[in-house]
């Protein structure tokens, strides 16, 4: 009975942590959307490699990505991963969906991250 109660408490704690992480993830993504849109200098709705690398070098963006457990130390490699089609540009939708799915599990995605 004690072990079962301990497991239930641990499970509840993990659920709470997961909900907090998801809430933080949504807040960070909203912030990144604003940054993404302001960095879209030509109004195309996409960022090219140069624009993406530039925003990733901003401390507040780097910190937001790190809080989501998305490595920002190698923005060029991160851009290549996000630009799955190899067109040299990424939309916010692509960025949003990719970062959301990568959050918390990218240590195996980018070598050395």
C-alpha atoms as a PDB file:
ATOM      1  CA  UNK A   1       0.000   0.000   0.000  1.00  0.00           C
ATOM      2  CA  UNK A   2       2.850   2.402   0.865  1.00  0.00           C
ATOM      3  CA  UNK A   3       4.638   1.654  -2.396  1.00  0.00           C
ATOM      4  CA  UNK A   4       1.417   2.136  -4.340  1.00  0.00           C
ATOM      5  CA  UNK A   5       0.795   5.505  -2.642  1.00  0.00           C
ATOM      6  CA  UNK A   6       4.366   6.575  -3.361  1.00  0.00           C
ATOM      7  CA  UNK A   7       3.976   5.638  -7.024  1.00  0.00           C
ATOM      8  CA  UNK A   8       0.688   7.556  -7.235  1.00  0.00           C
ATOM      9  CA  UNK A   9       2.302  10.660  -5.717  1.00  0.00           C
ATOM     10  CA  UNK A  10       5.255  10.385  -8.098  1.00  0.00           C
ATOM     11  CA  UNK A  11       2.879  10.052 -11.032  1.00  0.00           C
ATOM     12  CA  UNK A  12       0.902  13.101  -9.890  1.00  0.00           C
ATOM     13  CA  UNK A  13       4.126  15.092  -9.520  1.00  0.00           C
ATOM     14  CA  UNK A  14       5.179  14.122 -13.033  1.00  0.00           C
ATOM     15  CA  UNK A  15       1.769  15.120 -14.408  1.00  0.00           C
ATOM     16  CA  UNK A  16       2.078  18.506 -12.691  1.00  0.00           C
ATOM     17  CA  UNK A  17       5.587  19.006 -14.089  1.00  0.00           C
ATOM     18  CA  UNK A  18       4.381  18.044 -17.569  1.00  0.00           C
ATOM     19  CA  UNK A  19       1.509  20.544 -17.390  1.00  0.00           C
ATOM     20  CA  UNK A  20       3.866  23.287 -16.200  1.00  0.00           C
ATOM     21  CA  UNK A  21       6.291  22.523 -19.017  1.00  0.00           C
ATOM     22  CA  UNK A  22       3.467  22.628 -21.592  1.00  0.00           C
ATOM     23  CA  UNK A  23       2.212  25.950 -20.210  1.00  0.00           C
ATOM     24  CA  UNK A  24       5.736  27.391 -20.313  1.00  0.00           C
ATOM     25  CA  UNK A  25       6.204  26.010 -23.824  1.00  0.00           C
ATOM     26  CA  UNK A  26       3.098  27.860 -25.045  1.00  0.00           C
ATOM     27  CA  UNK A  27       4.288  31.105 -23.442  1.00  0.00           C
ATOM     28  CA  UNK A  28       7.727  30.779 -25.015  1.00  0.00           C
ATOM     29  CA  UNK A  29       6.212  29.996 -28.421  1.00  0.00           C
ATOM     30  CA  UNK A  30       4.030  33.106 -28.224  1.00  0.00           C
ATOM     31  CA  UNK A  31       7.118  35.193 -27.443  1.00  0.00           C
ATOM     32  CA  UNK A  32       9.052  33.547 -30.279  1.00  0.00           C
ATOM     33  CA  UNK A  33       6.178  34.234 -32.682  1.00  0.00           C
ATOM     34  CA  UNK A  34       6.502  37.947 -31.963  1.00  0.00           C
ATOM     35  CA  UNK A  35      10.278  37.791 -32.473  1.00  0.00           C
ATOM     36  CA  UNK A  36       9.864  35.734 -35.642  1.00  0.00           C
ATOM     37  CA  UNK A  37       7.388  38.205 -37.116  1.00  0.00           C
ATOM     38  CA  UNK A  38       9.561  41.216 -36.267  1.00  0.00           C
ATOM     39  CA  UNK A  39      12.610  39.536 -37.855  1.00  0.00           C
ATOM     40  CA  UNK A  40      10.728  38.838 -41.085  1.00  0.00           C
ATOM     41  CA  UNK A  41      12.198  41.923 -42.756  1.00  0.00           C
ATOM     42  CA  UNK A  42      10.687  41.328 -46.195  1.00  0.00           C
ATOM     43  CA  UNK A  43       7.213  40.420 -44.918  1.00  0.00           C
ATOM     44  CA  UNK A  44       7.265  37.045 -46.665  1.00  0.00           C
ATOM     45  CA  UNK A  45       6.019  35.150 -43.613  1.00  0.00           C
ATOM     46  CA  UNK A  46       9.262  33.192 -43.567  1.00  0.00           C
ATOM     47  CA  UNK A  47      12.774  33.575 -42.226  1.00  0.00           C
ATOM     48  CA  UNK A  48      15.843  32.781 -44.252  1.00  0.00           C
ATOM     49  CA  UNK A  49      18.993  31.339 -42.679  1.00  0.00           C
ATOM     50  CA  UNK A  50      20.531  34.755 -42.009  1.00  0.00           C
ATOM     51  CA  UNK A  51      17.403  36.117 -40.309  1.00  0.00           C
ATOM     52  CA  UNK A  52      17.009  32.925 -38.262  1.00  0.00           C
ATOM     53  CA  UNK A  53      20.633  32.863 -37.095  1.00  0.00           C
ATOM     54  CA  UNK A  54      20.401  36.542 -36.206  1.00  0.00           C
ATOM     55  CA  UNK A  55      17.395  36.069 -33.922  1.00  0.00           C
ATOM     56  CA  UNK A  56      18.896  32.941 -32.335  1.00  0.00           C
ATOM     57  CA  UNK A  57      21.911  34.990 -31.274  1.00  0.00           C
ATOM     58  CA  UNK A  58      19.732  37.305 -29.195  1.00  0.00           C
ATOM     59  CA  UNK A  59      20.073  36.363 -25.511  1.00  0.00           C
ATOM     60  CA  UNK A  60      16.307  36.447 -24.900  1.00  0.00           C
ATOM     61  CA  UNK A  61      15.657  34.091 -27.829  1.00  0.00           C
ATOM     62  CA  UNK A  62      18.496  31.768 -26.900  1.00  0.00           C
ATOM     63  CA  UNK A  63      17.189  31.638 -23.325  1.00  0.00           C
ATOM     64  CA  UNK A  64      13.617  30.960 -24.483  1.00  0.00           C
ATOM     65  CA  UNK A  65      14.810  28.066 -26.644  1.00  0.00           C
ATOM     66  CA  UNK A  66      16.945  26.699 -23.817  1.00  0.00           C
ATOM     67  CA  UNK A  67      13.999  26.883 -21.394  1.00  0.00           C
ATOM     68  CA  UNK A  68      12.099  24.731 -23.893  1.00  0.00           C
ATOM     69  CA  UNK A  69      15.123  22.407 -23.937  1.00  0.00           C
ATOM     70  CA  UNK A  70      15.748  23.191 -27.611  1.00  0.00           C
ATOM     71  CA  UNK A  71      19.480  23.687 -28.180  1.00  0.00           C
ATOM     72  CA  UNK A  72      20.235  27.144 -29.546  1.00  0.00           C
ATOM     73  CA  UNK A  73      24.024  26.946 -29.476  1.00  0.00           C
ATOM     74  CA  UNK A  74      24.184  25.900 -33.133  1.00  0.00           C
ATOM     75  CA  UNK A  75      21.518  27.967 -34.924  1.00  0.00           C
ATOM     76  CA  UNK A  76      22.786  27.032 -38.395  1.00  0.00           C
ATOM     77  CA  UNK A  77      22.309  23.330 -37.677  1.00  0.00           C
ATOM     78  CA  UNK A  78      18.946  23.984 -36.051  1.00  0.00           C
ATOM     79  CA  UNK A  79      17.874  25.889 -39.183  1.00  0.00           C
ATOM     80  CA  UNK A  80      18.920  22.953 -41.376  1.00  0.00           C
ATOM     81  CA  UNK A  81      16.802  20.610 -39.254  1.00  0.00           C
ATOM     82  CA  UNK A  82      13.795  22.940 -39.411  1.00  0.00           C
ATOM     83  CA  UNK A  83      14.200  23.522 -43.165  1.00  0.00           C
ATOM     84  CA  UNK A  84      13.209  19.943 -44.013  1.00  0.00           C
ATOM     85  CA  UNK A  85      12.442  20.800 -47.636  1.00  0.00           C
ATOM     86  CA  UNK A  86      15.806  22.495 -48.134  1.00  0.00           C
ATOM     87  CA  UNK A  87      14.315  25.685 -49.578  1.00  0.00           C
ATOM     88  CA  UNK A  88      16.414  27.997 -47.419  1.00  0.00           C
ATOM     89  CA  UNK A  89      13.412  29.454 -45.589  1.00  0.00           C
ATOM     90  CA  UNK A  90      11.119  28.415 -42.765  1.00  0.00           C
ATOM     91  CA  UNK A  91       7.631  29.636 -41.930  1.00  0.00           C
ATOM     92  CA  UNK A  92       6.533  30.274 -38.372  1.00  0.00           C
ATOM     93  CA  UNK A  93       4.129  27.332 -38.641  1.00  0.00           C
ATOM     94  CA  UNK A  94       7.033  25.028 -39.505  1.00  0.00           C
ATOM     95  CA  UNK A  95       9.122  26.569 -36.733  1.00  0.00           C
ATOM     96  CA  UNK A  96       6.270  26.286 -34.220  1.00  0.00           C
ATOM     97  CA  UNK A  97       5.398  22.670 -35.000  1.00  0.00           C
ATOM     98  CA  UNK A  98       9.021  21.537 -35.145  1.00  0.00           C
ATOM     99  CA  UNK A  99      10.084  23.284 -31.952  1.00  0.00           C
ATOM    100  CA  UNK A 100       6.977  22.023 -30.155  1.00  0.00           C
ATOM    101  CA  UNK A 101       7.763  18.436 -31.133  1.00  0.00           C
ATOM    102  CA  UNK A 102      11.482  18.833 -30.359  1.00  0.00           C
ATOM    103  CA  UNK A 103      11.021  20.524 -26.983  1.00  0.00           C
ATOM    104  CA  UNK A 104      12.607  18.531 -24.226  1.00  0.00           C
ATOM    105  CA  UNK A 105      14.119  15.854 -26.435  1.00  0.00           C
ATOM    106  CA  UNK A 106      16.644  17.406 -28.790  1.00  0.00           C
ATOM    107  CA  UNK A 107      19.881  16.290 -27.206  1.00  0.00           C
ATOM    108  CA  UNK A 108      19.938  13.396 -29.656  1.00  0.00           C
ATOM    109  CA  UNK A 109      18.910  15.543 -32.629  1.00  0.00           C
ATOM    110  CA  UNK A 110      21.843  17.958 -32.793  1.00  0.00           C
ATOM    111  CA  UNK A 111      25.211  16.311 -32.128  1.00  0.00           C
ATOM    112  CA  UNK A 112      27.104  17.957 -29.320  1.00  0.00           C
ATOM    113  CA  UNK A 113      24.102  19.860 -28.060  1.00  0.00           C
END
